[in-house]
Amino acid sequence: MPWTDALREKDGAVFIDLEVTPGSKIIQVPSGYNEWRKRIEVKITRAAQKGKANEQIIEEAAALFNVPLCRIFIENGMTSSKKTIRVEGISLAEVQKILELKL
């Protein structure tokens, strides 16, 4: 599974590398895998203005992994389409299982 290259676990949290397409007509989390950049692709409807896209990423990730919003953080890439999120309260195996059903 090459998409697992976008995942890693450290200090009890799971880090996920994303490539975000803001301003899409539909929300699709995840929408695929970019094997060149080794990032899971995500499409969101909000524009990348004033943190709105970042808020939607956090909301969608919380819903996908069934964890509270307060357990999702944007670790890197606040102003970039290439982001890394940190998810607390879930194991790497659980994240892989959820994403496997979606990718």
N, C-alpha and C. Protein backbone atom coordinates (compact mmCIF):
# COMPACT_ATOMS: atom_id res chain seq x y z
N MET A 1 0.84 -1.18 0.00
CA MET A 1 0.00 0.00 0.00
C MET A 1 0.88 1.25 0.00
N PRO A 2 1.09 1.85 -1.13
CA PRO A 2 1.98 3.00 -1.17
C PRO A 2 1.46 4.21 -0.39
N TRP A 3 0.13 4.34 -0.24
CA TRP A 3 -0.42 5.51 0.46
C TRP A 3 -0.04 5.53 1.94
N THR A 4 0.40 4.41 2.48
CA THR A 4 0.81 4.39 3.88
C THR A 4 2.10 5.18 4.09
N ASP A 5 2.80 5.53 3.00
CA ASP A 5 3.99 6.39 3.10
C ASP A 5 3.62 7.77 3.64
N ALA A 6 2.35 8.16 3.54
CA ALA A 6 1.89 9.48 3.99
C ALA A 6 1.55 9.47 5.49
N LEU A 7 1.71 8.33 6.15
CA LEU A 7 1.34 8.19 7.56
C LEU A 7 2.55 7.85 8.42
N ARG A 8 2.55 8.35 9.64
CA ARG A 8 3.56 7.94 10.61
C ARG A 8 3.02 8.21 12.01
N GLU A 9 3.56 7.48 12.95
CA GLU A 9 3.13 7.60 14.34
C GLU A 9 4.30 8.06 15.18
N LYS A 10 4.02 9.01 16.10
CA LYS A 10 5.08 9.50 16.98
C LYS A 10 4.43 10.06 18.24
N ASP A 11 4.97 9.71 19.37
CA ASP A 11 4.51 10.23 20.66
C ASP A 11 3.00 10.07 20.86
N GLY A 12 2.44 8.95 20.44
CA GLY A 12 1.04 8.67 20.65
C GLY A 12 0.08 9.39 19.71
N ALA A 13 0.61 10.02 18.68
CA ALA A 13 -0.22 10.71 17.69
C ALA A 13 0.11 10.18 16.30
N VAL A 14 -0.83 10.34 15.39
CA VAL A 14 -0.62 9.93 14.00
C VAL A 14 -0.48 11.19 13.15
N PHE A 15 0.54 11.22 12.33
CA PHE A 15 0.79 12.34 11.43
C PHE A 15 0.43 11.91 10.02
N ILE A 16 -0.33 12.76 9.33
CA ILE A 16 -0.79 12.44 7.98
C ILE A 16 -0.41 13.58 7.06
N ASP A 17 0.32 13.26 5.99
CA ASP A 17 0.70 14.25 4.99
C ASP A 17 -0.42 14.37 3.97
N LEU A 18 -0.90 15.60 3.75
CA LEU A 18 -2.01 15.87 2.85
C LEU A 18 -1.62 16.81 1.73
N GLU A 19 -2.31 16.67 0.62
CA GLU A 19 -2.25 17.66 -0.45
C GLU A 19 -3.69 18.13 -0.64
N VAL A 20 -3.94 19.40 -0.34
CA VAL A 20 -5.29 19.93 -0.26
C VAL A 20 -5.64 20.74 -1.51
N THR A 21 -6.84 20.49 -2.04
CA THR A 21 -7.39 21.29 -3.12
C THR A 21 -8.59 22.06 -2.56
N PRO A 22 -8.40 23.36 -2.23
CA PRO A 22 -9.52 24.15 -1.71
C PRO A 22 -10.40 24.64 -2.85
N GLY A 23 -11.62 25.06 -2.51
CA GLY A 23 -12.52 25.63 -3.50
C GLY A 23 -13.10 24.63 -4.47
N SER A 24 -13.11 23.36 -4.11
CA SER A 24 -13.67 22.31 -4.96
C SER A 24 -15.19 22.36 -4.89
N LYS A 25 -15.85 21.75 -5.85
CA LYS A 25 -17.31 21.71 -5.84
C LYS A 25 -17.84 20.71 -4.83
N ILE A 26 -17.02 19.73 -4.49
CA ILE A 26 -17.44 18.70 -3.53
C ILE A 26 -16.37 18.52 -2.46
N ILE A 27 -16.80 17.99 -1.33
CA ILE A 27 -15.86 17.60 -0.27
C ILE A 27 -15.55 16.13 -0.49
N GLN A 28 -14.27 15.82 -0.58
CA GLN A 28 -13.86 14.44 -0.74
C GLN A 28 -12.61 14.20 0.10
N VAL A 29 -12.81 13.52 1.21
CA VAL A 29 -11.73 13.27 2.15
C VAL A 29 -11.67 11.78 2.44
N PRO A 30 -10.69 11.08 1.98
CA PRO A 30 -9.65 11.45 1.03
C PRO A 30 -10.16 11.34 -0.41
N SER A 31 -9.45 11.98 -1.34
CA SER A 31 -9.85 11.91 -2.75
C SER A 31 -8.87 11.10 -3.59
N GLY A 32 -7.78 10.66 -3.00
CA GLY A 32 -6.80 9.86 -3.73
C GLY A 32 -5.45 9.94 -3.05
N TYR A 33 -4.44 9.54 -3.80
CA TYR A 33 -3.07 9.54 -3.28
C TYR A 33 -2.13 10.02 -4.36
N ASN A 34 -1.29 10.99 -4.05
CA ASN A 34 -0.28 11.49 -4.97
C ASN A 34 1.02 10.74 -4.68
N GLU A 35 1.31 9.75 -5.52
CA GLU A 35 2.49 8.92 -5.25
C GLU A 35 3.80 9.66 -5.44
N TRP A 36 3.81 10.74 -6.22
CA TRP A 36 5.04 11.51 -6.42
C TRP A 36 5.40 12.30 -5.18
N ARG A 37 4.39 12.91 -4.58
CA ARG A 37 4.61 13.72 -3.38
C ARG A 37 4.42 12.94 -2.09
N LYS A 38 3.90 11.71 -2.22
CA LYS A 38 3.64 10.85 -1.07
C LYS A 38 2.71 11.53 -0.08
N ARG A 39 1.58 12.02 -0.65
CA ARG A 39 0.58 12.72 0.16
C ARG A 39 -0.81 12.24 -0.20
N ILE A 40 -1.66 12.16 0.79
CA ILE A 40 -3.06 11.82 0.57
C ILE A 40 -3.77 13.08 0.11
N GLU A 41 -4.53 12.96 -0.97
CA GLU A 41 -5.21 14.11 -1.54
C GLU A 41 -6.56 14.33 -0.87
N VAL A 42 -6.90 15.60 -0.71
CA VAL A 42 -8.14 16.00 -0.06
C VAL A 42 -8.75 17.14 -0.86
N LYS A 43 -10.06 17.07 -1.12
CA LYS A 43 -10.77 18.16 -1.78
C LYS A 43 -11.77 18.75 -0.80
N ILE A 44 -11.73 20.08 -0.66
CA ILE A 44 -12.67 20.76 0.24
C ILE A 44 -13.33 21.91 -0.50
N THR A 45 -14.47 22.35 0.02
CA THR A 45 -15.23 23.38 -0.68
C THR A 45 -14.86 24.79 -0.27
N ARG A 46 -14.35 24.98 0.91
CA ARG A 46 -14.02 26.33 1.37
C ARG A 46 -12.75 26.85 0.68
N ALA A 47 -12.73 28.15 0.48
CA ALA A 47 -11.57 28.81 -0.13
C ALA A 47 -10.44 28.93 0.89
N ALA A 48 -9.25 29.03 0.38
CA ALA A 48 -8.07 29.17 1.24
C ALA A 48 -7.89 30.63 1.64
N GLN A 49 -8.83 31.12 2.44
CA GLN A 49 -8.79 32.51 2.90
C GLN A 49 -9.11 32.56 4.39
N LYS A 50 -8.29 33.29 5.12
CA LYS A 50 -8.52 33.53 6.54
C LYS A 50 -8.71 32.25 7.35
N GLY A 51 -8.03 31.19 6.97
CA GLY A 51 -8.05 29.95 7.73
C GLY A 51 -9.29 29.09 7.54
N LYS A 52 -10.17 29.48 6.62
CA LYS A 52 -11.41 28.73 6.41
C LYS A 52 -11.14 27.31 5.90
N ALA A 53 -10.20 27.17 4.99
CA ALA A 53 -9.86 25.84 4.46
C ALA A 53 -9.27 24.97 5.57
N ASN A 54 -8.40 25.54 6.39
CA ASN A 54 -7.82 24.78 7.50
C ASN A 54 -8.89 24.32 8.48
N GLU A 55 -9.87 25.18 8.76
CA GLU A 55 -10.98 24.80 9.64
C GLU A 55 -11.73 23.60 9.07
N GLN A 56 -11.99 23.64 7.76
CA GLN A 56 -12.74 22.55 7.14
C GLN A 56 -11.93 21.25 7.15
N ILE A 57 -10.64 21.35 6.95
CA ILE A 57 -9.79 20.16 7.01
C ILE A 57 -9.89 19.51 8.40
N ILE A 58 -9.81 20.33 9.44
CA ILE A 58 -9.90 19.82 10.80
C ILE A 58 -11.27 19.19 11.04
N GLU A 59 -12.33 19.86 10.60
CA GLU A 59 -13.69 19.33 10.78
C GLU A 59 -13.86 17.99 10.07
N GLU A 60 -13.40 17.92 8.83
CA GLU A 60 -13.56 16.69 8.04
C GLU A 60 -12.71 15.55 8.59
N ALA A 61 -11.50 15.86 9.05
CA ALA A 61 -10.64 14.83 9.62
C ALA A 61 -11.24 14.30 10.93
N ALA A 62 -11.79 15.20 11.74
CA ALA A 62 -12.43 14.78 12.99
C ALA A 62 -13.60 13.84 12.70
N ALA A 63 -14.39 14.18 11.70
CA ALA A 63 -15.53 13.34 11.34
C ALA A 63 -15.07 11.99 10.78
N LEU A 64 -14.06 12.01 9.91
CA LEU A 64 -13.56 10.79 9.30
C LEU A 64 -13.01 9.82 10.34
N PHE A 65 -12.23 10.33 11.27
CA PHE A 65 -11.58 9.47 12.26
C PHE A 65 -12.37 9.34 13.56
N ASN A 66 -13.52 10.01 13.64
CA ASN A 66 -14.41 9.94 14.79
C ASN A 66 -13.68 10.33 16.09
N VAL A 67 -12.99 11.48 16.02
CA VAL A 67 -12.33 12.03 17.20
C VAL A 67 -12.80 13.48 17.35
N PRO A 68 -12.73 14.04 18.56
CA PRO A 68 -13.14 15.43 18.76
C PRO A 68 -12.25 16.40 17.98
N LEU A 69 -12.82 17.56 17.63
CA LEU A 69 -12.06 18.59 16.90
C LEU A 69 -10.78 18.97 17.64
N CYS A 70 -10.83 18.96 18.95
CA CYS A 70 -9.67 19.38 19.74
C CYS A 70 -8.50 18.40 19.67
N ARG A 71 -8.68 17.28 18.96
CA ARG A 71 -7.61 16.28 18.81
C ARG A 71 -6.97 16.30 17.43
N ILE A 72 -7.35 17.28 16.59
CA ILE A 72 -6.79 17.42 15.25
C ILE A 72 -6.05 18.74 15.18
N PHE A 73 -4.82 18.69 14.70
CA PHE A 73 -3.99 19.90 14.61
C PHE A 73 -3.31 19.94 13.25
N ILE A 74 -3.15 21.15 12.72
CA ILE A 74 -2.34 21.30 11.51
C ILE A 74 -0.92 21.54 11.99
N GLU A 75 -0.08 20.56 11.76
CA GLU A 75 1.29 20.57 12.27
C GLU A 75 2.20 21.42 11.38
N ASN A 76 2.06 21.28 10.07
CA ASN A 76 2.87 22.02 9.09
C ASN A 76 2.00 22.43 7.92
N GLY A 77 2.34 23.55 7.29
CA GLY A 77 1.67 23.96 6.06
C GLY A 77 0.42 24.79 6.26
N MET A 78 0.38 25.61 7.28
CA MET A 78 -0.82 26.43 7.54
C MET A 78 -1.23 27.25 6.32
N THR A 79 -0.27 27.73 5.54
CA THR A 79 -0.59 28.56 4.38
C THR A 79 -0.24 27.88 3.06
N SER A 80 -0.09 26.59 3.09
CA SER A 80 0.30 25.82 1.91
C SER A 80 -0.75 24.77 1.58
N SER A 81 -0.74 24.32 0.34
CA SER A 81 -1.64 23.22 -0.03
C SER A 81 -1.07 21.88 0.45
N LYS A 82 0.20 21.86 0.80
CA LYS A 82 0.83 20.66 1.34
C LYS A 82 0.87 20.81 2.86
N LYS A 83 0.09 19.99 3.53
CA LYS A 83 -0.06 20.09 4.97
C LYS A 83 0.23 18.76 5.65
N THR A 84 0.57 18.85 6.91
CA THR A 84 0.67 17.67 7.75
C THR A 84 -0.24 17.90 8.94
N ILE A 85 -1.16 16.96 9.15
CA ILE A 85 -2.03 17.07 10.32
C ILE A 85 -1.62 16.04 11.36
N ARG A 86 -1.87 16.39 12.62
CA ARG A 86 -1.61 15.49 13.74
C ARG A 86 -2.97 15.09 14.32
N VAL A 87 -3.17 13.80 14.46
CA VAL A 87 -4.43 13.27 14.99
C VAL A 87 -4.10 12.54 16.29
N GLU A 88 -4.70 12.99 17.37
CA GLU A 88 -4.48 12.36 18.67
C GLU A 88 -5.70 11.52 19.04
N GLY A 89 -5.48 10.51 19.85
CA GLY A 89 -6.58 9.69 20.34
C GLY A 89 -6.98 8.56 19.41
N ILE A 90 -6.11 8.21 18.48
CA ILE A 90 -6.37 7.12 17.54
C ILE A 90 -5.02 6.50 17.17
N SER A 91 -5.00 5.21 16.93
CA SER A 91 -3.75 4.54 16.60
C SER A 91 -3.49 4.57 15.09
N LEU A 92 -2.26 4.32 14.74
CA LEU A 92 -1.89 4.24 13.33
C LEU A 92 -2.67 3.13 12.63
N ALA A 93 -2.84 2.01 13.31
CA ALA A 93 -3.59 0.89 12.71
C ALA A 93 -5.05 1.28 12.43
N GLU A 94 -5.65 2.05 13.33
CA GLU A 94 -7.03 2.49 13.13
C GLU A 94 -7.13 3.46 11.95
N VAL A 95 -6.17 4.38 11.86
CA VAL A 95 -6.14 5.33 10.74
C VAL A 95 -6.00 4.58 9.42
N GLN A 96 -5.09 3.61 9.39
CA GLN A 96 -4.89 2.82 8.16
C GLN A 96 -6.16 2.09 7.77
N LYS A 97 -6.85 1.52 8.75
CA LYS A 97 -8.07 0.77 8.48
C LYS A 97 -9.16 1.68 7.89
N ILE A 98 -9.31 2.87 8.46
CA ILE A 98 -10.31 3.83 7.97
C ILE A 98 -9.96 4.28 6.57
N LEU A 99 -8.70 4.64 6.33
CA LEU A 99 -8.30 5.14 5.01
C LEU A 99 -8.34 4.03 3.95
N GLU A 100 -8.06 2.82 4.36
CA GLU A 100 -8.08 1.69 3.41
C GLU A 100 -9.47 1.53 2.80
N LEU A 101 -10.49 1.79 3.59
CA LEU A 101 -11.86 1.68 3.09
C LEU A 101 -12.21 2.82 2.14
N LYS A 102 -11.50 3.94 2.24
CA LYS A 102 -11.81 5.13 1.45
C LYS A 102 -10.94 5.28 0.21
N LEU A 103 -9.72 4.72 0.25
CA LEU A 103 -8.80 4.91 -0.89
C LEU A 103 -8.87 3.76 -1.87
